[in-house]
Amino acid sequence: RYKVRIVAQGFTQKEGIDYQEVFAPVANLDSVRTLIALAAKHDLELDQMDV
């Protein structure tokens, strides 16, 4: 079974190195709450997407 992964800045990878490491950044919950509160205060529309 093969895995496919989209890599941002894939040009920084070296052949045979870093192919098995995975990094998934996750937003801090307090940061998300702050952004939602600011959007509500300024009556802004929020959208969500999965990339």
N, C-alpha and C. Protein backbone atom coordinates (compact mmCIF):
# COMPACT_ATOMS: atom_id res chain seq x y z
N ARG A 1 0.85 -1.17 0.00
CA ARG A 1 0.00 0.00 0.00
C ARG A 1 0.89 1.24 0.00
N TYR A 2 0.54 2.21 -0.83
CA TYR A 2 1.34 3.42 -0.96
C TYR A 2 0.67 4.59 -0.26
N LYS A 3 1.46 5.49 0.29
CA LYS A 3 0.96 6.71 0.90
C LYS A 3 1.33 7.88 0.01
N VAL A 4 0.42 8.82 -0.11
CA VAL A 4 0.68 10.03 -0.88
C VAL A 4 0.59 11.21 0.07
N ARG A 5 1.54 12.13 -0.04
CA ARG A 5 1.55 13.28 0.85
C ARG A 5 1.93 14.52 0.06
N ILE A 6 1.16 15.59 0.23
CA ILE A 6 1.52 16.87 -0.37
C ILE A 6 2.52 17.53 0.56
N VAL A 7 3.63 17.98 0.02
CA VAL A 7 4.69 18.55 0.83
C VAL A 7 4.92 20.00 0.44
N ALA A 8 4.79 20.90 1.40
CA ALA A 8 5.13 22.30 1.14
C ALA A 8 6.64 22.43 1.23
N GLN A 9 7.23 23.11 0.31
CA GLN A 9 8.68 23.28 0.22
C GLN A 9 9.37 21.92 0.14
N GLY A 10 8.86 21.06 -0.69
CA GLY A 10 9.44 19.73 -0.87
C GLY A 10 10.86 19.77 -1.40
N PHE A 11 11.25 20.91 -1.98
CA PHE A 11 12.60 21.05 -2.53
C PHE A 11 13.66 21.02 -1.44
N THR A 12 13.24 21.15 -0.16
CA THR A 12 14.22 21.12 0.92
C THR A 12 14.53 19.69 1.36
N GLN A 13 13.77 18.71 0.86
CA GLN A 13 14.03 17.31 1.23
C GLN A 13 15.26 16.80 0.50
N LYS A 14 15.96 15.90 1.17
CA LYS A 14 17.11 15.25 0.56
C LYS A 14 16.75 13.79 0.32
N GLU A 15 17.20 13.25 -0.79
CA GLU A 15 16.85 11.88 -1.15
C GLU A 15 17.28 10.91 -0.06
N GLY A 16 16.33 10.09 0.39
CA GLY A 16 16.61 9.07 1.40
C GLY A 16 16.57 9.58 2.83
N ILE A 17 16.38 10.89 3.01
CA ILE A 17 16.35 11.49 4.35
C ILE A 17 15.03 12.23 4.51
N ASP A 18 14.47 12.22 5.70
CA ASP A 18 13.26 12.97 6.03
C ASP A 18 12.00 12.47 5.32
N TYR A 19 12.00 11.31 4.73
CA TYR A 19 10.81 10.84 4.05
C TYR A 19 9.80 10.23 5.01
N GLN A 20 10.22 9.78 6.17
CA GLN A 20 9.31 9.12 7.10
C GLN A 20 8.79 10.04 8.19
N GLU A 21 9.39 11.23 8.33
CA GLU A 21 8.97 12.15 9.38
C GLU A 21 7.73 12.93 8.94
N VAL A 22 6.81 13.10 9.87
CA VAL A 22 5.57 13.82 9.58
C VAL A 22 5.42 14.93 10.61
N PHE A 23 5.04 16.12 10.16
CA PHE A 23 4.81 17.23 11.07
C PHE A 23 3.44 17.81 10.78
N ALA A 24 2.59 17.86 11.79
CA ALA A 24 1.24 18.39 11.61
C ALA A 24 1.01 19.51 12.63
N PRO A 25 1.17 20.76 12.20
CA PRO A 25 0.97 21.87 13.14
C PRO A 25 -0.50 21.97 13.57
N VAL A 26 -0.72 22.22 14.84
CA VAL A 26 -2.07 22.33 15.38
C VAL A 26 -2.17 23.66 16.12
N ALA A 27 -3.24 24.40 15.87
CA ALA A 27 -3.43 25.70 16.52
C ALA A 27 -3.76 25.52 17.99
N ASN A 28 -3.24 26.41 18.80
CA ASN A 28 -3.54 26.44 20.22
C ASN A 28 -5.01 26.81 20.40
N LEU A 29 -5.71 26.11 21.28
CA LEU A 29 -7.15 26.35 21.47
C LEU A 29 -7.42 27.77 21.94
N ASP A 30 -6.56 28.33 22.79
CA ASP A 30 -6.75 29.71 23.26
C ASP A 30 -6.65 30.69 22.09
N SER A 31 -5.75 30.43 21.15
CA SER A 31 -5.61 31.29 19.97
C SER A 31 -6.87 31.25 19.12
N VAL A 32 -7.42 30.05 18.95
CA VAL A 32 -8.64 29.90 18.15
C VAL A 32 -9.80 30.63 18.82
N ARG A 33 -9.92 30.49 20.13
CA ARG A 33 -10.99 31.18 20.87
C ARG A 33 -10.85 32.70 20.73
N THR A 34 -9.62 33.20 20.80
CA THR A 34 -9.38 34.64 20.67
C THR A 34 -9.80 35.13 19.29
N LEU A 35 -9.44 34.38 18.25
CA LEU A 35 -9.82 34.77 16.90
C LEU A 35 -11.33 34.76 16.71
N ILE A 36 -11.99 33.77 17.27
CA ILE A 36 -13.46 33.69 17.17
C ILE A 36 -14.09 34.87 17.91
N ALA A 37 -13.56 35.20 19.09
CA ALA A 37 -14.09 36.33 19.86
C ALA A 37 -13.91 37.64 19.10
N LEU A 38 -12.74 37.84 18.49
CA LEU A 38 -12.50 39.05 17.70
C LEU A 38 -13.42 39.13 16.50
N ALA A 39 -13.63 38.00 15.84
CA ALA A 39 -14.52 37.97 14.68
C ALA A 39 -15.95 38.31 15.11
N ALA A 40 -16.38 37.80 16.25
CA ALA A 40 -17.73 38.09 16.74
C ALA A 40 -17.86 39.57 17.11
N LYS A 41 -16.82 40.11 17.76
CA LYS A 41 -16.85 41.51 18.18
C LYS A 41 -16.96 42.45 16.98
N HIS A 42 -16.25 42.12 15.91
CA HIS A 42 -16.22 42.98 14.72
C HIS A 42 -17.22 42.53 13.65
N ASP A 43 -18.11 41.61 14.02
CA ASP A 43 -19.16 41.12 13.13
C ASP A 43 -18.60 40.61 11.80
N LEU A 44 -17.54 39.81 11.89
CA LEU A 44 -16.90 39.23 10.70
C LEU A 44 -17.45 37.83 10.44
N GLU A 45 -17.40 37.42 9.19
CA GLU A 45 -17.84 36.07 8.81
C GLU A 45 -16.64 35.13 8.88
N LEU A 46 -16.84 33.96 9.46
CA LEU A 46 -15.78 32.96 9.57
C LEU A 46 -16.06 31.80 8.62
N ASP A 47 -15.00 31.27 8.03
CA ASP A 47 -15.09 30.07 7.20
C ASP A 47 -14.08 29.05 7.71
N GLN A 48 -14.37 27.78 7.48
CA GLN A 48 -13.48 26.71 7.89
C GLN A 48 -13.17 25.86 6.68
N MET A 49 -11.92 25.40 6.58
CA MET A 49 -11.56 24.50 5.48
C MET A 49 -10.52 23.49 5.96
N ASP A 50 -10.48 22.40 5.29
CA ASP A 50 -9.51 21.35 5.58
C ASP A 50 -8.59 21.24 4.38
N VAL A 51 -7.31 21.36 4.63
CA VAL A 51 -6.33 21.33 3.52
C VAL A 51 -5.56 20.04 3.58
